[in-house]
PDB file of N, CA and C in Angstrom:
ATOM      1  N   MET A   1       3.977 -15.854 -14.487  1.00  0.00           N
ATOM      2  CA  MET A   1       3.685 -15.371 -15.822  1.00  0.00           C
ATOM      3  C   MET A   1       4.924 -14.649 -16.359  1.00  0.00           C
ATOM      4  N   LYS A   2       5.366 -15.047 -17.518  1.00  0.00           N
ATOM      5  CA  LYS A   2       6.548 -14.445 -18.126  1.00  0.00           C
ATOM      6  C   LYS A   2       6.108 -13.510 -19.245  1.00  0.00           C
ATOM      7  N   ASN A   3       6.615 -12.301 -19.204  1.00  0.00           N
ATOM      8  CA  ASN A   3       6.322 -11.308 -20.234  1.00  0.00           C
ATOM      9  C   ASN A   3       7.561 -11.090 -21.087  1.00  0.00           C
ATOM     10  N   ASN A   4       7.345 -10.706 -22.312  1.00  0.00           N
ATOM     11  CA  ASN A   4       8.446 -10.375 -23.208  1.00  0.00           C
ATOM     12  C   ASN A   4       8.436  -8.879 -23.480  1.00  0.00           C
ATOM     13  N   PHE A   5       9.617  -8.296 -23.490  1.00  0.00           N
ATOM     14  CA  PHE A   5       9.782  -6.883 -23.765  1.00  0.00           C
ATOM     15  C   PHE A   5      10.858  -6.730 -24.832  1.00  0.00           C
ATOM     16  N   THR A   6      10.899  -5.570 -25.463  1.00  0.00           N
ATOM     17  CA  THR A   6      11.841  -5.316 -26.544  1.00  0.00           C
ATOM     18  C   THR A   6      12.946  -4.379 -26.077  1.00  0.00           C
ATOM     19  N   ALA A   7      14.188  -4.836 -26.166  1.00  0.00           N
ATOM     20  CA  ALA A   7      15.339  -3.986 -25.858  1.00  0.00           C
ATOM     21  C   ALA A   7      15.820  -3.346 -27.155  1.00  0.00           C
ATOM     22  N   ILE A   8      15.941  -2.045 -27.139  1.00  0.00           N
ATOM     23  CA  ILE A   8      16.536  -1.301 -28.245  1.00  0.00           C
ATOM     24  C   ILE A   8      17.965  -0.988 -27.805  1.00  0.00           C
ATOM     25  N   ILE A   9      18.956  -1.535 -28.509  1.00  0.00           N
ATOM     26  CA  ILE A   9      20.346  -1.357 -28.079  1.00  0.00           C
ATOM     27  C   ILE A   9      21.207  -0.868 -29.237  1.00  0.00           C
ATOM     28  N   LYS A  10      22.272  -0.149 -28.874  1.00  0.00           N
ATOM     29  CA  LYS A  10      23.234   0.278 -29.891  1.00  0.00           C
ATOM     30  C   LYS A  10      24.562   0.586 -29.228  1.00  0.00           C
ATOM     31  N   GLN A  11      25.613   0.451 -30.013  1.00  0.00           N
ATOM     32  CA  GLN A  11      26.939   0.817 -29.534  1.00  0.00           C
ATOM     33  C   GLN A  11      27.166   2.281 -29.868  1.00  0.00           C
ATOM     34  N   ASP A  12      27.653   3.025 -28.884  1.00  0.00           N
ATOM     35  CA  ASP A  12      27.916   4.450 -29.046  1.00  0.00           C
ATOM     36  C   ASP A  12      29.330   4.712 -28.537  1.00  0.00           C
ATOM     37  N   GLY A  13      30.284   4.720 -29.448  1.00  0.00           N
ATOM     38  CA  GLY A  13      31.682   4.846 -29.051  1.00  0.00           C
ATOM     39  C   GLY A  13      32.114   3.603 -28.290  1.00  0.00           C
ATOM     40  N   ASP A  14      32.640   3.794 -27.089  1.00  0.00           N
ATOM     41  CA  ASP A  14      33.090   2.668 -26.268  1.00  0.00           C
ATOM     42  C   ASP A  14      31.967   2.037 -25.453  1.00  0.00           C
ATOM     43  N   TRP A  15      30.788   2.596 -25.507  1.00  0.00           N
ATOM     44  CA  TRP A  15      29.688   2.152 -24.648  1.00  0.00           C
ATOM     45  C   TRP A  15      28.562   1.509 -25.437  1.00  0.00           C
ATOM     46  N   TRP A  16      27.840   0.637 -24.766  1.00  0.00           N
ATOM     47  CA  TRP A  16      26.583   0.100 -25.267  1.00  0.00           C
ATOM     48  C   TRP A  16      25.473   0.770 -24.472  1.00  0.00           C
ATOM     49  N   ILE A  17      24.464   1.283 -25.174  1.00  0.00           N
ATOM     50  CA  ILE A  17      23.334   1.914 -24.507  1.00  0.00           C
ATOM     51  C   ILE A  17      22.055   1.225 -24.952  1.00  0.00           C
ATOM     52  N   GLY A  18      21.071   1.219 -24.071  1.00  0.00           N
ATOM     53  CA  GLY A  18      19.838   0.529 -24.415  1.00  0.00           C
ATOM     54  C   GLY A  18      18.637   1.025 -23.638  1.00  0.00           C
ATOM     55  N   TRP A  19      17.477   0.745 -24.200  1.00  0.00           N
ATOM     56  CA  TRP A  19      16.197   1.137 -23.640  1.00  0.00           C
ATOM     57  C   TRP A  19      15.244  -0.039 -23.755  1.00  0.00           C
ATOM     58  N   ILE A  20      14.270  -0.095 -22.873  1.00  0.00           N
ATOM     59  CA  ILE A  20      13.168  -1.043 -23.026  1.00  0.00           C
ATOM     60  C   ILE A  20      12.044  -0.282 -23.715  1.00  0.00           C
ATOM     61  N   LYS A  21      11.711  -0.715 -24.899  1.00  0.00           N
ATOM     62  CA  LYS A  21      10.777  -0.008 -25.776  1.00  0.00           C
ATOM     63  C   LYS A  21       9.418   0.235 -25.120  1.00  0.00           C
ATOM     64  N   GLU A  22       8.915  -0.742 -24.384  1.00  0.00           N
ATOM     65  CA  GLU A  22       7.553  -0.674 -23.860  1.00  0.00           C
ATOM     66  C   GLU A  22       7.431   0.033 -22.504  1.00  0.00           C
ATOM     67  N   ILE A  23       8.541   0.269 -21.821  1.00  0.00           N
ATOM     68  CA  ILE A  23       8.483   0.818 -20.460  1.00  0.00           C
ATOM     69  C   ILE A  23       9.314   2.102 -20.385  1.00  0.00           C
ATOM     70  N   PRO A  24       8.669   3.260 -20.288  1.00  0.00           N
ATOM     71  CA  PRO A  24       9.419   4.512 -20.188  1.00  0.00           C
ATOM     72  C   PRO A  24      10.341   4.515 -18.971  1.00  0.00           C
ATOM     73  N   GLY A  25      11.513   5.084 -19.134  1.00  0.00           N
ATOM     74  CA  GLY A  25      12.430   5.251 -18.022  1.00  0.00           C
ATOM     75  C   GLY A  25      13.387   4.104 -17.785  1.00  0.00           C
ATOM     76  N   VAL A  26      13.203   2.984 -18.473  1.00  0.00           N
ATOM     77  CA  VAL A  26      14.126   1.857 -18.301  1.00  0.00           C
ATOM     78  C   VAL A  26      15.185   1.964 -19.393  1.00  0.00           C
ATOM     79  N   ASN A  27      16.342   2.477 -19.000  1.00  0.00           N
ATOM     80  CA  ASN A  27      17.459   2.631 -19.930  1.00  0.00           C
ATOM     81  C   ASN A  27      18.752   2.426 -19.164  1.00  0.00           C
ATOM     82  N   CYS A  28      19.777   1.948 -19.853  1.00  0.00           N
ATOM     83  CA  CYS A  28      21.044   1.604 -19.206  1.00  0.00           C
ATOM     84  C   CYS A  28      22.206   1.862 -20.157  1.00  0.00           C
ATOM     85  N   GLN A  29      23.392   1.861 -19.584  1.00  0.00           N
ATOM     86  CA  GLN A  29      24.638   2.013 -20.343  1.00  0.00           C
ATOM     87  C   GLN A  29      25.675   1.098 -19.716  1.00  0.00           C
ATOM     88  N   GLU A  30      26.368   0.327 -20.545  1.00  0.00           N
ATOM     89  CA  GLU A  30      27.406  -0.594 -20.062  1.00  0.00           C
ATOM     90  C   GLU A  30      28.545  -0.663 -21.070  1.00  0.00           C
ATOM     91  N   ALA A  31      29.641  -1.265 -20.649  1.00  0.00           N
ATOM     92  CA  ALA A  31      30.833  -1.371 -21.494  1.00  0.00           C
ATOM     93  C   ALA A  31      30.707  -2.459 -22.555  1.00  0.00           C
ATOM     94  N   THR A  32      29.911  -3.502 -22.283  1.00  0.00           N
ATOM     95  CA  THR A  32      29.748  -4.579 -23.263  1.00  0.00           C
ATOM     96  C   THR A  32      28.268  -4.830 -23.534  1.00  0.00           C
ATOM     97  N   ARG A  33      28.011  -5.454 -24.661  1.00  0.00           N
ATOM     98  CA  ARG A  33      26.637  -5.799 -25.045  1.00  0.00           C
ATOM     99  C   ARG A  33      26.009  -6.734 -24.015  1.00  0.00           C
ATOM    100  N   GLU A  34      26.757  -7.743 -23.592  1.00  0.00           N
ATOM    101  CA  GLU A  34      26.244  -8.728 -22.638  1.00  0.00           C
ATOM    102  C   GLU A  34      25.902  -8.077 -21.303  1.00  0.00           C
ATOM    103  N   GLU A  35      26.796  -7.191 -20.821  1.00  0.00           N
ATOM    104  CA  GLU A  35      26.524  -6.474 -19.569  1.00  0.00           C
ATOM    105  C   GLU A  35      25.285  -5.596 -19.704  1.00  0.00           C
ATOM    106  N   LEU A  36      25.136  -4.962 -20.856  1.00  0.00           N
ATOM    107  CA  LEU A  36      23.972  -4.108 -21.086  1.00  0.00           C
ATOM    108  C   LEU A  36      22.685  -4.917 -21.010  1.00  0.00           C
ATOM    109  N   LEU A  37      22.634  -6.054 -21.693  1.00  0.00           N
ATOM    110  CA  LEU A  37      21.415  -6.863 -21.681  1.00  0.00           C
ATOM    111  C   LEU A  37      21.081  -7.341 -20.272  1.00  0.00           C
ATOM    112  N   GLN A  38      22.093  -7.738 -19.507  1.00  0.00           N
ATOM    113  CA  GLN A  38      21.855  -8.172 -18.130  1.00  0.00           C
ATOM    114  C   GLN A  38      21.351  -7.013 -17.270  1.00  0.00           C
ATOM    115  N   THR A  39      21.962  -5.851 -17.416  1.00  0.00           N
ATOM    116  CA  THR A  39      21.545  -4.683 -16.636  1.00  0.00           C
ATOM    117  C   THR A  39      20.137  -4.248 -17.018  1.00  0.00           C
ATOM    118  N   LEU A  40      19.789  -4.320 -18.297  1.00  0.00           N
ATOM    119  CA  LEU A  40      18.424  -3.999 -18.714  1.00  0.00           C
ATOM    120  C   LEU A  40      17.422  -4.960 -18.076  1.00  0.00           C
ATOM    121  N   ARG A  41      17.759  -6.255 -18.015  1.00  0.00           N
ATOM    122  CA  ARG A  41      16.863  -7.229 -17.374  1.00  0.00           C
ATOM    123  C   ARG A  41      16.635  -6.885 -15.902  1.00  0.00           C
ATOM    124  N   VAL A  42      17.720  -6.620 -15.205  1.00  0.00           N
ATOM    125  CA  VAL A  42      17.628  -6.299 -13.773  1.00  0.00           C
ATOM    126  C   VAL A  42      16.830  -5.010 -13.568  1.00  0.00           C
ATOM    127  N   THR A  43      17.144  -3.993 -14.345  1.00  0.00           N
ATOM    128  CA  THR A  43      16.469  -2.702 -14.211  1.00  0.00           C
ATOM    129  C   THR A  43      14.991  -2.821 -14.547  1.00  0.00           C
ATOM    130  N   LEU A  44      14.652  -3.600 -15.567  1.00  0.00           N
ATOM    131  CA  LEU A  44      13.254  -3.819 -15.926  1.00  0.00           C
ATOM    132  C   LEU A  44      12.512  -4.523 -14.798  1.00  0.00           C
ATOM    133  N   ARG A  45      13.108  -5.581 -14.244  1.00  0.00           N
ATOM    134  CA  ARG A  45      12.470  -6.282 -13.115  1.00  0.00           C
ATOM    135  C   ARG A  45      12.214  -5.328 -11.955  1.00  0.00           C
ATOM    136  N   GLU A  46      13.215  -4.518 -11.631  1.00  0.00           N
ATOM    137  CA  GLU A  46      13.077  -3.565 -10.531  1.00  0.00           C
ATOM    138  C   GLU A  46      11.985  -2.537 -10.815  1.00  0.00           C
ATOM    139  N   ALA A  47      11.916  -2.030 -12.040  1.00  0.00           N
ATOM    140  CA  ALA A  47      10.895  -1.042 -12.398  1.00  0.00           C
ATOM    141  C   ALA A  47       9.499  -1.644 -12.308  1.00  0.00           C
ATOM    142  N   LEU A  48       9.325  -2.867 -12.801  1.00  0.00           N
ATOM    143  CA  LEU A  48       8.019  -3.518 -12.735  1.00  0.00           C
ATOM    144  C   LEU A  48       7.600  -3.767 -11.290  1.00  0.00           C
ATOM    145  N   GLU A  49       8.526  -4.213 -10.462  1.00  0.00           N
ATOM    146  CA  GLU A  49       8.217  -4.448  -9.047  1.00  0.00           C
ATOM    147  C   GLU A  49       7.876  -3.138  -8.343  1.00  0.00           C
ATOM    148  N   PHE A  50       8.615  -2.088  -8.624  1.00  0.00           N
ATOM    149  CA  PHE A  50       8.318  -0.783  -8.040  1.00  0.00           C
ATOM    150  C   PHE A  50       6.915  -0.330  -8.435  1.00  0.00           C
ATOM    151  N   ASN A  51       6.569  -0.477  -9.726  1.00  0.00           N
ATOM    152  CA  ASN A  51       5.244  -0.072 -10.192  1.00  0.00           C
ATOM    153  C   ASN A  51       4.146  -0.893  -9.530  1.00  0.00           C
ATOM    154  N   ARG A  52       4.380  -2.206  -9.349  1.00  0.00           N
ATOM    155  CA  ARG A  52       3.395  -3.056  -8.673  1.00  0.00           C
ATOM    156  C   ARG A  52       3.165  -2.580  -7.241  1.00  0.00           C
ATOM    157  N   ARG A  53       4.261  -2.389  -6.504  1.00  0.00           N
ATOM    158  CA  ARG A  53       4.151  -1.937  -5.105  1.00  0.00           C
ATOM    159  C   ARG A  53       3.477  -0.577  -5.020  1.00  0.00           C
ATOM    160  N   ASP A  54       3.842   0.332  -5.921  1.00  0.00           N
ATOM    161  CA  ASP A  54       3.262   1.671  -5.919  1.00  0.00           C
ATOM    162  C   ASP A  54       1.755   1.611  -6.167  1.00  0.00           C
ATOM    163  N   ALA A  55       1.333   0.809  -7.134  1.00  0.00           N
ATOM    164  CA  ALA A  55      -0.096   0.681  -7.431  1.00  0.00           C
ATOM    165  C   ALA A  55      -0.855   0.135  -6.226  1.00  0.00           C
ATOM    166  N   LEU A  56      -0.306  -0.879  -5.564  1.00  0.00           N
ATOM    167  CA  LEU A  56      -0.965  -1.451  -4.385  1.00  0.00           C
ATOM    168  C   LEU A  56      -1.006  -0.456  -3.233  1.00  0.00           C
ATOM    169  N   ASP A  57       0.057   0.292  -3.038  1.00  0.00           N
ATOM    170  CA  ASP A  57       0.072   1.303  -1.979  1.00  0.00           C
ATOM    171  C   ASP A  57      -0.988   2.369  -2.219  1.00  0.00           C
ATOM    172  N   VAL A  58      -1.110   2.823  -3.450  1.00  0.00           N
ATOM    173  CA  VAL A  58      -2.086   3.862  -3.782  1.00  0.00           C
ATOM    174  C   VAL A  58      -3.509   3.319  -3.670  1.00  0.00           C
ATOM    175  N   ALA A  59      -3.721   2.068  -4.080  1.00  0.00           N
ATOM    176  CA  ALA A  59      -5.063   1.476  -4.034  1.00  0.00           C
ATOM    177  C   ALA A  59      -5.553   1.295  -2.604  1.00  0.00           C
ATOM    178  N   GLY A  60      -4.644   1.065  -1.687  1.00  0.00           N
ATOM    179  CA  GLY A  60      -5.053   0.873  -0.296  1.00  0.00           C
ATOM    180  C   GLY A  60      -5.732  -0.469  -0.102  1.00  0.00           C
ATOM    181  N   THR A  61      -6.966  -0.441   0.419  1.00  0.00           N
ATOM    182  CA  THR A  61      -7.717  -1.675   0.670  1.00  0.00           C
ATOM    183  C   THR A  61      -8.982  -1.689  -0.175  1.00  0.00           C
ATOM    184  N   ASN A  62      -9.651  -2.815  -0.154  1.00  0.00           N
ATOM    185  CA  ASN A  62     -10.928  -2.982  -0.874  1.00  0.00           C
ATOM    186  C   ASN A  62     -10.800  -2.709  -2.371  1.00  0.00           C
ATOM    187  N   TYR A  63      -9.809  -3.293  -2.990  1.00  0.00           N
ATOM    188  CA  TYR A  63      -9.626  -3.134  -4.432  1.00  0.00           C
ATOM    189  C   TYR A  63      -9.784  -4.495  -5.106  1.00  0.00           C
ATOM    190  N   GLU A  64      -9.955  -4.487  -6.405  1.00  0.00           N
ATOM    191  CA  GLU A  64     -10.028  -5.704  -7.213  1.00  0.00           C
ATOM    192  C   GLU A  64      -8.846  -5.731  -8.167  1.00  0.00           C
ATOM    193  N   GLU A  65      -8.430  -6.932  -8.522  1.00  0.00           N
ATOM    194  CA  GLU A  65      -7.411  -7.102  -9.557  1.00  0.00           C
ATOM    195  C   GLU A  65      -8.062  -7.777 -10.753  1.00  0.00           C
ATOM    196  N   GLU A  66      -7.764  -7.289 -11.938  1.00  0.00           N
ATOM    197  CA  GLU A  66      -8.319  -7.830 -13.173  1.00  0.00           C
ATOM    198  C   GLU A  66      -7.205  -7.916 -14.207  1.00  0.00           C
ATOM    199  N   LEU A  67      -7.008  -9.096 -14.800  1.00  0.00           N
ATOM    200  CA  LEU A  67      -6.023  -9.234 -15.872  1.00  0.00           C
ATOM    201  C   LEU A  67      -6.573  -8.608 -17.147  1.00  0.00           C
ATOM    202  N   ILE A  68      -5.733  -7.874 -17.832  1.00  0.00           N
ATOM    203  CA  ILE A  68      -6.129  -7.216 -19.072  1.00  0.00           C
ATOM    204  C   ILE A  68      -5.163  -7.639 -20.170  1.00  0.00           C
ATOM    205  N   ALA A  69      -5.695  -8.228 -21.212  1.00  0.00           N
ATOM    206  CA  ALA A  69      -4.882  -8.634 -22.359  1.00  0.00           C
ATOM    207  C   ALA A  69      -4.997  -7.570 -23.442  1.00  0.00           C
ATOM    208  N   VAL A  70      -3.871  -7.270 -24.069  1.00  0.00           N
ATOM    209  CA  VAL A  70      -3.888  -6.303 -25.172  1.00  0.00           C
ATOM    210  C   VAL A  70      -3.243  -6.917 -26.390  1.00  0.00           C
TER     211      VAL A  70
END
């Protein structure tokens, strides 16, 4: 399943900075726009995987999974 997220990016002096609008804490800084977008993708993937693992660890055993559309 592929999800789409919104990157908010801007150039600030010599640097490009960016955030993922929908996921708190996913933000990056790079020297070029292209590097920033790639780093945001990697960081977002890592954050989502961390959140998945954390949720499963906390749930333990005997849990259910349910897809929720918004």
